[in-house]
């Protein structure tokens, strides 16, 4: 059963995971492009590269479902940052649905519940992103999520891996739509 996990955001990522073999087939940081604007340079999703990545996945694999972390407005968030994140989220969900992929949208606290047994053995002083990196290291010690020219692991790839793998946890609820 092949699942695509998507961590939304400019620092997000994609993980194509074969759950039957517990094997990561593809890892891709979120493609972005820099656009020159009147008020400086803005970073945006590279929609063409995202479409190309999804087409490649669809052409080469039988994807059972796409798991995208549901986005929502948190109290005290900057309105323009909220609008930007929700725009990215809507684009990714709409694109996947337009490509006839089954989309599941759990909240972060729900997909993290799938790892509650692993979280208890991890340093409690770590923030969520660091904790997720540690969980990925335990689950997939052979996988390198440090990008070239980077010193630290890519948090978006770590989250995308965990989001994809959490489908096993949700499958009992969504098996009827993923046949």
N, C-alpha and C. Protein backbone atom coordinates (compact mmCIF):
# COMPACT_ATOMS: atom_id res chain seq x y z
N UNK A 1 0.86 -1.17 0.00
CA UNK A 1 0.00 0.00 0.00
C UNK A 1 0.91 1.24 0.00
N UNK A 2 0.78 2.04 -1.03
CA UNK A 2 1.64 3.22 -1.18
C UNK A 2 0.85 4.48 -0.83
N UNK A 3 1.47 5.30 0.02
CA UNK A 3 0.84 6.51 0.53
C UNK A 3 1.79 7.68 0.33
N UNK A 4 1.22 8.85 0.02
CA UNK A 4 1.99 10.07 -0.10
C UNK A 4 1.68 10.96 1.09
N UNK A 5 2.70 11.34 1.84
CA UNK A 5 2.54 12.26 2.96
C UNK A 5 3.03 13.63 2.56
N UNK A 6 2.26 14.66 2.90
CA UNK A 6 2.64 16.03 2.55
C UNK A 6 2.64 16.90 3.79
N UNK A 7 3.79 17.54 4.03
CA UNK A 7 3.89 18.56 5.07
C UNK A 7 3.80 19.90 4.36
N UNK A 8 2.74 20.64 4.63
CA UNK A 8 2.46 21.91 3.95
C UNK A 8 3.43 22.98 4.45
N UNK A 9 3.82 23.86 3.56
CA UNK A 9 4.64 25.01 3.93
C UNK A 9 5.85 25.13 3.03
N UNK A 10 6.45 26.30 3.04
CA UNK A 10 7.63 26.54 2.21
C UNK A 10 8.79 25.66 2.65
N UNK A 11 8.80 25.25 3.91
CA UNK A 11 9.84 24.34 4.41
C UNK A 11 9.28 22.93 4.61
N UNK A 12 8.19 22.63 3.92
CA UNK A 12 7.55 21.33 4.01
C UNK A 12 8.22 20.31 3.11
N UNK A 13 7.48 19.24 2.83
CA UNK A 13 8.04 18.22 1.98
C UNK A 13 7.03 17.15 1.62
N UNK A 14 7.50 16.22 0.78
CA UNK A 14 6.70 15.10 0.31
C UNK A 14 7.44 13.80 0.67
N UNK A 15 6.67 12.79 1.03
CA UNK A 15 7.23 11.45 1.25
C UNK A 15 6.31 10.43 0.62
N UNK A 16 6.83 9.67 -0.32
CA UNK A 16 6.10 8.56 -0.91
C UNK A 16 6.59 7.29 -0.21
N UNK A 17 5.67 6.60 0.44
CA UNK A 17 6.03 5.52 1.34
C UNK A 17 5.26 4.24 0.99
N UNK A 18 5.98 3.14 0.89
CA UNK A 18 5.36 1.83 0.72
C UNK A 18 5.18 1.25 2.12
N UNK A 19 3.95 1.25 2.61
CA UNK A 19 3.69 0.80 3.98
C UNK A 19 3.87 -0.71 4.13
N UNK A 20 3.61 -1.48 3.07
CA UNK A 20 3.77 -2.93 3.16
C UNK A 20 5.23 -3.32 3.37
N UNK A 21 6.13 -2.60 2.72
CA UNK A 21 7.56 -2.90 2.83
C UNK A 21 8.26 -1.98 3.84
N UNK A 22 7.50 -1.02 4.40
CA UNK A 22 8.06 -0.01 5.30
C UNK A 22 9.28 0.65 4.65
N UNK A 23 9.10 1.05 3.39
CA UNK A 23 10.20 1.60 2.60
C UNK A 23 9.84 2.96 2.03
N UNK A 24 10.74 3.90 2.19
CA UNK A 24 10.55 5.23 1.61
C UNK A 24 10.96 5.16 0.14
N UNK A 25 10.02 5.47 -0.74
CA UNK A 25 10.27 5.40 -2.18
C UNK A 25 10.80 6.72 -2.73
N UNK A 26 10.26 7.82 -2.23
CA UNK A 26 10.70 9.14 -2.69
C UNK A 26 10.59 10.14 -1.54
N UNK A 27 11.57 11.00 -1.44
CA UNK A 27 11.54 12.14 -0.51
C UNK A 27 11.84 13.38 -1.32
N UNK A 28 11.03 14.42 -1.12
CA UNK A 28 11.20 15.64 -1.89
C UNK A 28 10.89 16.84 -1.01
N UNK A 29 11.87 17.73 -0.81
CA UNK A 29 11.54 18.98 -0.11
C UNK A 29 10.51 19.75 -0.93
N UNK A 30 9.72 20.55 -0.28
CA UNK A 30 8.71 21.34 -0.99
C UNK A 30 9.40 22.23 -2.02
N UNK A 31 9.05 22.08 -3.31
CA UNK A 31 9.66 22.93 -4.32
C UNK A 31 9.18 24.39 -4.17
N UNK A 32 10.13 25.30 -4.15
CA UNK A 32 9.81 26.72 -4.02
C UNK A 32 10.54 27.51 -5.10
N UNK A 33 10.04 28.69 -5.33
CA UNK A 33 10.64 29.60 -6.30
C UNK A 33 10.68 30.99 -5.67
N UNK A 34 11.71 31.74 -5.98
CA UNK A 34 11.82 33.11 -5.48
C UNK A 34 11.35 34.06 -6.58
N UNK A 35 10.46 34.97 -6.18
CA UNK A 35 9.86 35.90 -7.13
C UNK A 35 10.20 37.33 -6.70
N UNK A 36 10.69 38.12 -7.64
CA UNK A 36 11.02 39.51 -7.33
C UNK A 36 9.74 40.34 -7.36
N UNK A 37 9.50 41.03 -6.26
CA UNK A 37 8.32 41.89 -6.12
C UNK A 37 8.79 43.31 -5.85
N UNK A 38 7.86 44.25 -5.87
CA UNK A 38 8.20 45.65 -5.60
C UNK A 38 8.81 45.82 -4.21
N UNK A 39 8.35 45.03 -3.25
CA UNK A 39 8.85 45.14 -1.87
C UNK A 39 9.88 44.06 -1.54
N UNK A 40 10.64 43.59 -2.52
CA UNK A 40 11.67 42.60 -2.26
C UNK A 40 11.37 41.27 -2.91
N UNK A 41 12.09 40.27 -2.48
CA UNK A 41 11.96 38.93 -3.05
C UNK A 41 11.05 38.10 -2.15
N UNK A 42 10.08 37.45 -2.77
CA UNK A 42 9.12 36.60 -2.06
C UNK A 42 9.36 35.15 -2.46
N UNK A 43 9.21 34.26 -1.51
CA UNK A 43 9.31 32.83 -1.79
C UNK A 43 7.90 32.26 -1.89
N UNK A 44 7.66 31.50 -2.94
CA UNK A 44 6.35 30.90 -3.18
C UNK A 44 6.52 29.44 -3.57
N UNK A 45 5.45 28.67 -3.49
CA UNK A 45 5.49 27.30 -3.96
C UNK A 45 5.76 27.29 -5.46
N UNK A 46 6.59 26.36 -5.91
CA UNK A 46 6.84 26.18 -7.33
C UNK A 46 5.78 25.21 -7.84
N UNK A 47 4.66 25.75 -8.27
CA UNK A 47 3.51 24.93 -8.65
C UNK A 47 3.82 23.98 -9.79
N UNK A 48 4.62 24.41 -10.74
CA UNK A 48 4.99 23.55 -11.86
C UNK A 48 5.80 22.34 -11.39
N UNK A 49 6.76 22.56 -10.50
CA UNK A 49 7.59 21.46 -9.99
C UNK A 49 6.75 20.51 -9.12
N UNK A 50 5.79 21.06 -8.37
CA UNK A 50 4.91 20.21 -7.55
C UNK A 50 4.07 19.31 -8.46
N UNK A 51 3.49 19.91 -9.50
CA UNK A 51 2.68 19.11 -10.44
C UNK A 51 3.54 18.02 -11.09
N UNK A 52 4.74 18.37 -11.49
CA UNK A 52 5.64 17.40 -12.11
C UNK A 52 5.96 16.25 -11.15
N UNK A 53 6.22 16.58 -9.89
CA UNK A 53 6.50 15.55 -8.88
C UNK A 53 5.30 14.62 -8.73
N UNK A 54 4.10 15.20 -8.62
CA UNK A 54 2.90 14.38 -8.45
C UNK A 54 2.63 13.52 -9.68
N UNK A 55 2.80 14.09 -10.89
CA UNK A 55 2.61 13.30 -12.11
C UNK A 55 3.57 12.11 -12.15
N UNK A 56 4.83 12.34 -11.77
CA UNK A 56 5.83 11.27 -11.74
C UNK A 56 5.41 10.18 -10.76
N UNK A 57 4.94 10.58 -9.59
CA UNK A 57 4.49 9.59 -8.60
C UNK A 57 3.30 8.79 -9.11
N UNK A 58 2.34 9.48 -9.71
CA UNK A 58 1.14 8.81 -10.22
C UNK A 58 1.49 7.86 -11.37
N UNK A 59 2.40 8.29 -12.25
CA UNK A 59 2.79 7.46 -13.40
C UNK A 59 3.54 6.20 -12.98
N UNK A 60 4.27 6.25 -11.87
CA UNK A 60 5.13 5.15 -11.49
C UNK A 60 4.64 4.31 -10.31
N UNK A 61 3.64 4.78 -9.59
CA UNK A 61 3.18 4.08 -8.40
C UNK A 61 1.66 4.13 -8.32
N UNK A 62 1.10 3.13 -7.66
CA UNK A 62 -0.34 3.10 -7.41
C UNK A 62 -0.58 3.67 -6.01
N UNK A 63 -0.89 4.95 -5.95
CA UNK A 63 -1.02 5.65 -4.67
C UNK A 63 -2.41 5.39 -4.08
N UNK A 64 -2.43 4.83 -2.89
CA UNK A 64 -3.68 4.50 -2.20
C UNK A 64 -4.34 5.76 -1.64
N UNK A 65 -3.54 6.65 -1.05
CA UNK A 65 -4.08 7.86 -0.45
C UNK A 65 -2.99 8.90 -0.28
N UNK A 66 -3.41 10.14 -0.12
CA UNK A 66 -2.53 11.25 0.20
C UNK A 66 -2.94 11.75 1.58
N UNK A 67 -1.97 11.88 2.47
CA UNK A 67 -2.23 12.37 3.82
C UNK A 67 -1.58 13.75 3.92
N UNK A 68 -2.42 14.78 4.12
CA UNK A 68 -1.94 16.16 4.23
C UNK A 68 -2.36 16.69 5.59
N UNK A 69 -1.39 17.23 6.33
CA UNK A 69 -1.72 17.80 7.63
C UNK A 69 -2.71 18.96 7.46
N UNK A 70 -3.84 18.85 8.14
CA UNK A 70 -4.86 19.90 8.06
C UNK A 70 -4.33 21.18 8.69
N UNK A 71 -4.57 22.29 8.03
CA UNK A 71 -4.14 23.60 8.51
C UNK A 71 -5.33 24.34 9.10
N UNK A 72 -5.06 25.17 10.08
CA UNK A 72 -6.13 25.94 10.71
C UNK A 72 -5.53 27.21 11.31
N UNK A 73 -6.40 28.12 11.69
CA UNK A 73 -5.98 29.39 12.27
C UNK A 73 -5.77 29.20 13.76
N UNK A 74 -4.58 29.58 14.23
CA UNK A 74 -4.28 29.52 15.65
C UNK A 74 -4.43 30.91 16.24
N UNK A 75 -4.88 30.99 17.43
CA UNK A 75 -5.06 32.28 18.10
C UNK A 75 -3.75 33.06 18.14
N UNK A 76 -3.83 34.33 17.77
CA UNK A 76 -2.66 35.20 17.83
C UNK A 76 -1.77 35.16 16.60
N UNK A 77 -2.12 34.36 15.59
CA UNK A 77 -1.31 34.30 14.38
C UNK A 77 -1.50 35.54 13.52
N UNK A 78 -0.45 35.92 12.84
CA UNK A 78 -0.49 37.03 11.89
C UNK A 78 -1.42 36.65 10.74
N UNK A 79 -2.34 37.53 10.40
CA UNK A 79 -3.36 37.23 9.40
C UNK A 79 -2.77 36.95 8.01
N UNK A 80 -1.71 37.68 7.64
CA UNK A 80 -1.14 37.44 6.31
C UNK A 80 -0.42 36.10 6.26
N UNK A 81 0.21 35.68 7.36
CA UNK A 81 0.86 34.37 7.38
C UNK A 81 -0.17 33.25 7.36
N UNK A 82 -1.29 33.44 8.05
CA UNK A 82 -2.39 32.47 8.03
C UNK A 82 -2.94 32.34 6.62
N UNK A 83 -3.18 33.47 5.98
CA UNK A 83 -3.74 33.45 4.62
C UNK A 83 -2.79 32.73 3.66
N UNK A 84 -1.51 32.98 3.80
CA UNK A 84 -0.51 32.36 2.93
C UNK A 84 -0.47 30.84 3.14
N UNK A 85 -0.47 30.39 4.38
CA UNK A 85 -0.44 28.96 4.69
C UNK A 85 -1.70 28.28 4.19
N UNK A 86 -2.86 28.90 4.43
CA UNK A 86 -4.12 28.30 3.98
C UNK A 86 -4.21 28.26 2.46
N UNK A 87 -3.62 29.25 1.79
CA UNK A 87 -3.58 29.24 0.32
C UNK A 87 -2.77 28.04 -0.17
N UNK A 88 -1.60 27.80 0.42
CA UNK A 88 -0.76 26.66 0.04
C UNK A 88 -1.51 25.34 0.29
N UNK A 89 -2.12 25.25 1.45
CA UNK A 89 -2.87 24.06 1.82
C UNK A 89 -3.99 23.79 0.81
N UNK A 90 -4.76 24.82 0.50
CA UNK A 90 -5.85 24.69 -0.46
C UNK A 90 -5.36 24.28 -1.83
N UNK A 91 -4.23 24.84 -2.25
CA UNK A 91 -3.65 24.49 -3.54
C UNK A 91 -3.29 23.00 -3.58
N UNK A 92 -2.60 22.53 -2.54
CA UNK A 92 -2.15 21.14 -2.51
C UNK A 92 -3.33 20.16 -2.43
N UNK A 93 -4.31 20.46 -1.60
CA UNK A 93 -5.50 19.60 -1.50
C UNK A 93 -6.24 19.58 -2.83
N UNK A 94 -6.47 20.77 -3.40
CA UNK A 94 -7.19 20.86 -4.68
C UNK A 94 -6.47 20.14 -5.81
N UNK A 95 -5.14 20.28 -5.86
CA UNK A 95 -4.36 19.62 -6.90
C UNK A 95 -4.47 18.10 -6.76
N UNK A 96 -4.32 17.60 -5.55
CA UNK A 96 -4.42 16.15 -5.33
C UNK A 96 -5.82 15.63 -5.67
N UNK A 97 -6.84 16.35 -5.26
CA UNK A 97 -8.20 15.92 -5.58
C UNK A 97 -8.46 16.01 -7.07
N UNK A 98 -7.92 17.04 -7.72
CA UNK A 98 -8.07 17.18 -9.16
C UNK A 98 -7.39 16.05 -9.92
N UNK A 99 -6.35 15.47 -9.32
CA UNK A 99 -5.66 14.33 -9.93
C UNK A 99 -6.30 13.01 -9.51
N UNK A 100 -7.46 13.10 -8.89
CA UNK A 100 -8.25 11.94 -8.46
C UNK A 100 -7.54 11.08 -7.42
N UNK A 101 -6.79 11.73 -6.54
CA UNK A 101 -6.15 11.04 -5.43
C UNK A 101 -7.04 11.17 -4.19
N UNK A 102 -7.12 10.13 -3.39
CA UNK A 102 -7.90 10.16 -2.15
C UNK A 102 -7.11 10.95 -1.11
N UNK A 103 -7.71 12.01 -0.58
CA UNK A 103 -7.01 12.90 0.35
C UNK A 103 -7.58 12.75 1.76
N UNK A 104 -6.69 12.53 2.71
CA UNK A 104 -7.05 12.47 4.13
C UNK A 104 -6.34 13.62 4.81
N UNK A 105 -7.07 14.36 5.67
CA UNK A 105 -6.53 15.59 6.24
C UNK A 105 -6.61 15.60 7.77
N UNK A 106 -5.72 14.87 8.44
CA UNK A 106 -5.76 14.87 9.90
C UNK A 106 -5.08 16.11 10.49
N UNK A 107 -5.53 16.50 11.67
CA UNK A 107 -4.84 17.54 12.43
C UNK A 107 -3.51 16.98 12.92
N UNK A 108 -2.56 17.86 13.18
CA UNK A 108 -1.24 17.42 13.65
C UNK A 108 -1.35 16.56 14.91
N UNK A 109 -2.19 16.97 15.85
CA UNK A 109 -2.27 16.21 17.10
C UNK A 109 -2.82 14.80 16.87
N UNK A 110 -3.59 14.61 15.79
CA UNK A 110 -4.10 13.28 15.48
C UNK A 110 -3.05 12.40 14.81
N UNK A 111 -2.31 12.93 13.83
CA UNK A 111 -1.30 12.08 13.19
C UNK A 111 -0.15 11.81 14.14
N UNK A 112 0.11 12.72 15.07
CA UNK A 112 1.17 12.48 16.06
C UNK A 112 0.77 11.38 17.04
N UNK A 113 -0.53 11.19 17.23
CA UNK A 113 -1.02 10.14 18.13
C UNK A 113 -0.55 8.76 17.67
N UNK A 114 -0.32 8.60 16.39
CA UNK A 114 0.16 7.33 15.85
C UNK A 114 1.54 6.97 16.38
N UNK A 115 2.26 7.95 16.94
CA UNK A 115 3.63 7.73 17.42
C UNK A 115 3.74 7.86 18.93
N UNK A 116 2.62 7.81 19.63
CA UNK A 116 2.64 8.03 21.07
C UNK A 116 3.53 7.02 21.79
N UNK A 117 3.64 5.79 21.28
CA UNK A 117 4.50 4.80 21.93
C UNK A 117 5.98 5.15 21.76
N UNK A 118 6.34 5.82 20.68
CA UNK A 118 7.74 6.21 20.46
C UNK A 118 8.09 7.52 21.17
N UNK A 119 7.11 8.38 21.35
CA UNK A 119 7.36 9.69 21.94
C UNK A 119 7.82 9.57 23.39
N UNK A 120 7.33 8.58 24.13
CA UNK A 120 7.67 8.45 25.54
C UNK A 120 9.16 8.20 25.76
N UNK A 121 9.85 7.67 24.77
CA UNK A 121 11.27 7.38 24.90
C UNK A 121 12.17 8.49 24.37
N UNK A 122 11.60 9.65 24.10
CA UNK A 122 12.38 10.74 23.52
C UNK A 122 12.46 11.90 24.50
N UNK A 123 13.59 12.56 24.49
CA UNK A 123 13.88 13.69 25.38
C UNK A 123 12.72 14.69 25.38
N UNK A 124 12.15 14.95 26.54
CA UNK A 124 10.99 15.84 26.64
C UNK A 124 11.35 17.31 26.47
N UNK A 125 12.64 17.64 26.50
CA UNK A 125 13.03 19.04 26.32
C UNK A 125 13.03 19.45 24.85
N UNK A 126 12.89 18.49 23.94
CA UNK A 126 12.89 18.80 22.50
C UNK A 126 11.56 19.43 22.09
N UNK A 127 11.63 20.36 21.13
CA UNK A 127 10.38 20.89 20.58
C UNK A 127 9.80 19.86 19.60
N UNK A 128 8.60 20.12 19.10
CA UNK A 128 7.90 19.15 18.24
C UNK A 128 8.72 18.74 17.02
N UNK A 129 9.33 19.71 16.35
CA UNK A 129 10.08 19.41 15.13
C UNK A 129 11.29 18.53 15.43
N UNK A 130 12.03 18.86 16.50
CA UNK A 130 13.19 18.06 16.89
C UNK A 130 12.76 16.65 17.31
N UNK A 131 11.64 16.56 18.02
CA UNK A 131 11.12 15.26 18.44
C UNK A 131 10.77 14.41 17.22
N UNK A 132 10.15 15.02 16.21
CA UNK A 132 9.78 14.29 15.01
C UNK A 132 11.01 13.77 14.26
N UNK A 133 12.07 14.56 14.25
CA UNK A 133 13.33 14.12 13.63
C UNK A 133 13.87 12.89 14.37
N UNK A 134 13.80 12.91 15.69
CA UNK A 134 14.28 11.77 16.49
C UNK A 134 13.43 10.52 16.22
N UNK A 135 12.12 10.70 16.06
CA UNK A 135 11.26 9.56 15.76
C UNK A 135 11.63 8.97 14.40
N UNK A 136 11.86 9.83 13.40
CA UNK A 136 12.25 9.35 12.07
C UNK A 136 13.57 8.59 12.15
N UNK A 137 14.51 9.10 12.94
CA UNK A 137 15.80 8.41 13.09
C UNK A 137 15.62 7.02 13.68
N UNK A 138 14.66 6.87 14.59
CA UNK A 138 14.40 5.54 15.18
C UNK A 138 13.72 4.61 14.18
N UNK A 139 12.76 5.16 13.42
CA UNK A 139 12.01 4.34 12.47
C UNK A 139 12.81 3.99 11.21
N UNK A 140 13.59 4.95 10.72
CA UNK A 140 14.33 4.80 9.46
C UNK A 140 15.77 5.27 9.65
N UNK A 141 16.58 4.51 10.39
CA UNK A 141 17.95 4.95 10.67
C UNK A 141 18.81 5.10 9.41
N UNK A 142 18.43 4.42 8.33
CA UNK A 142 19.21 4.47 7.09
C UNK A 142 18.89 5.70 6.23
N UNK A 143 17.82 6.41 6.56
CA UNK A 143 17.38 7.54 5.73
C UNK A 143 18.06 8.83 6.17
N UNK A 144 18.61 9.53 5.18
CA UNK A 144 19.26 10.81 5.44
C UNK A 144 18.30 11.94 5.08
N UNK A 145 17.92 12.75 6.05
CA UNK A 145 17.03 13.88 5.77
C UNK A 145 17.76 15.22 5.88
N UNK A 146 19.09 15.16 5.81
CA UNK A 146 19.89 16.38 5.76
C UNK A 146 20.15 16.67 4.29
N UNK A 147 19.70 17.82 3.84
CA UNK A 147 19.88 18.18 2.43
C UNK A 147 21.32 18.60 2.15
N UNK A 148 21.74 18.50 0.89
CA UNK A 148 23.10 18.97 0.54
C UNK A 148 23.28 20.43 0.96
N UNK A 149 24.43 20.75 1.45
CA UNK A 149 24.81 22.09 1.92
C UNK A 149 24.07 22.51 3.19
N UNK A 150 23.37 21.59 3.83
CA UNK A 150 22.68 21.91 5.09
C UNK A 150 23.41 21.21 6.23
N UNK A 151 23.27 21.76 7.41
CA UNK A 151 23.91 21.17 8.59
C UNK A 151 22.92 20.41 9.46
N UNK A 152 21.66 20.75 9.33
CA UNK A 152 20.66 20.14 10.19
C UNK A 152 19.64 19.38 9.35
N UNK A 153 18.97 18.41 9.96
CA UNK A 153 17.94 17.66 9.23
C UNK A 153 16.80 18.57 8.77
N UNK A 154 16.20 18.21 7.65
CA UNK A 154 15.08 18.96 7.08
C UNK A 154 13.81 18.57 7.82
N UNK A 155 13.26 19.48 8.60
CA UNK A 155 12.08 19.17 9.42
C UNK A 155 10.85 18.85 8.58
N UNK A 156 10.73 19.46 7.42
CA UNK A 156 9.59 19.18 6.55
C UNK A 156 9.60 17.75 6.03
N UNK A 157 10.80 17.23 5.75
CA UNK A 157 10.90 15.83 5.30
C UNK A 157 10.57 14.88 6.44
N UNK A 158 11.05 15.20 7.64
CA UNK A 158 10.73 14.36 8.80
C UNK A 158 9.22 14.32 9.02
N UNK A 159 8.59 15.48 8.98
CA UNK A 159 7.14 15.52 9.17
C UNK A 159 6.41 14.78 8.05
N UNK A 160 6.86 14.94 6.80
CA UNK A 160 6.21 14.26 5.68
C UNK A 160 6.30 12.73 5.83
N UNK A 161 7.43 12.24 6.31
CA UNK A 161 7.60 10.80 6.54
C UNK A 161 6.59 10.33 7.59
N UNK A 162 6.50 11.05 8.69
CA UNK A 162 5.59 10.65 9.77
C UNK A 162 4.13 10.80 9.37
N UNK A 163 3.83 11.83 8.60
CA UNK A 163 2.46 12.03 8.12
C UNK A 163 2.06 10.85 7.21
N UNK A 164 2.95 10.46 6.30
CA UNK A 164 2.66 9.34 5.40
C UNK A 164 2.47 8.06 6.21
N UNK A 165 3.38 7.81 7.14
CA UNK A 165 3.32 6.57 7.92
C UNK A 165 2.10 6.51 8.84
N UNK A 166 1.58 7.66 9.22
CA UNK A 166 0.42 7.68 10.11
C UNK A 166 -0.84 7.12 9.43
N UNK A 167 -0.79 6.94 8.11
CA UNK A 167 -1.96 6.40 7.40
C UNK A 167 -2.36 5.05 7.97
N UNK A 168 -1.39 4.25 8.40
CA UNK A 168 -1.72 2.95 9.01
C UNK A 168 -2.66 3.14 10.19
N UNK A 169 -2.44 4.19 10.94
CA UNK A 169 -3.26 4.50 12.12
C UNK A 169 -4.68 4.90 11.70
N UNK A 170 -4.79 5.63 10.59
CA UNK A 170 -6.09 6.13 10.13
C UNK A 170 -6.83 5.17 9.21
N UNK A 171 -6.14 4.19 8.67
CA UNK A 171 -6.72 3.34 7.63
C UNK A 171 -8.03 2.68 8.08
N UNK A 172 -8.10 2.30 9.33
CA UNK A 172 -9.33 1.65 9.82
C UNK A 172 -10.55 2.56 9.65
N UNK A 173 -10.34 3.88 9.70
CA UNK A 173 -11.45 4.83 9.56
C UNK A 173 -11.73 5.19 8.11
N UNK A 174 -10.71 5.07 7.25
CA UNK A 174 -10.85 5.53 5.87
C UNK A 174 -10.79 4.39 4.84
N UNK A 175 -10.80 3.14 5.28
CA UNK A 175 -10.64 2.03 4.33
C UNK A 175 -11.74 2.02 3.26
N UNK A 176 -12.93 2.49 3.59
CA UNK A 176 -14.02 2.49 2.61
C UNK A 176 -13.78 3.46 1.46
N UNK A 177 -13.10 4.58 1.69
CA UNK A 177 -12.85 5.53 0.60
C UNK A 177 -11.55 5.25 -0.13
N UNK A 178 -10.74 4.34 0.40
CA UNK A 178 -9.43 4.05 -0.19
C UNK A 178 -9.37 2.68 -0.84
N UNK A 179 -10.49 2.27 -1.44
CA UNK A 179 -10.49 0.96 -2.09
C UNK A 179 -10.26 1.08 -3.57
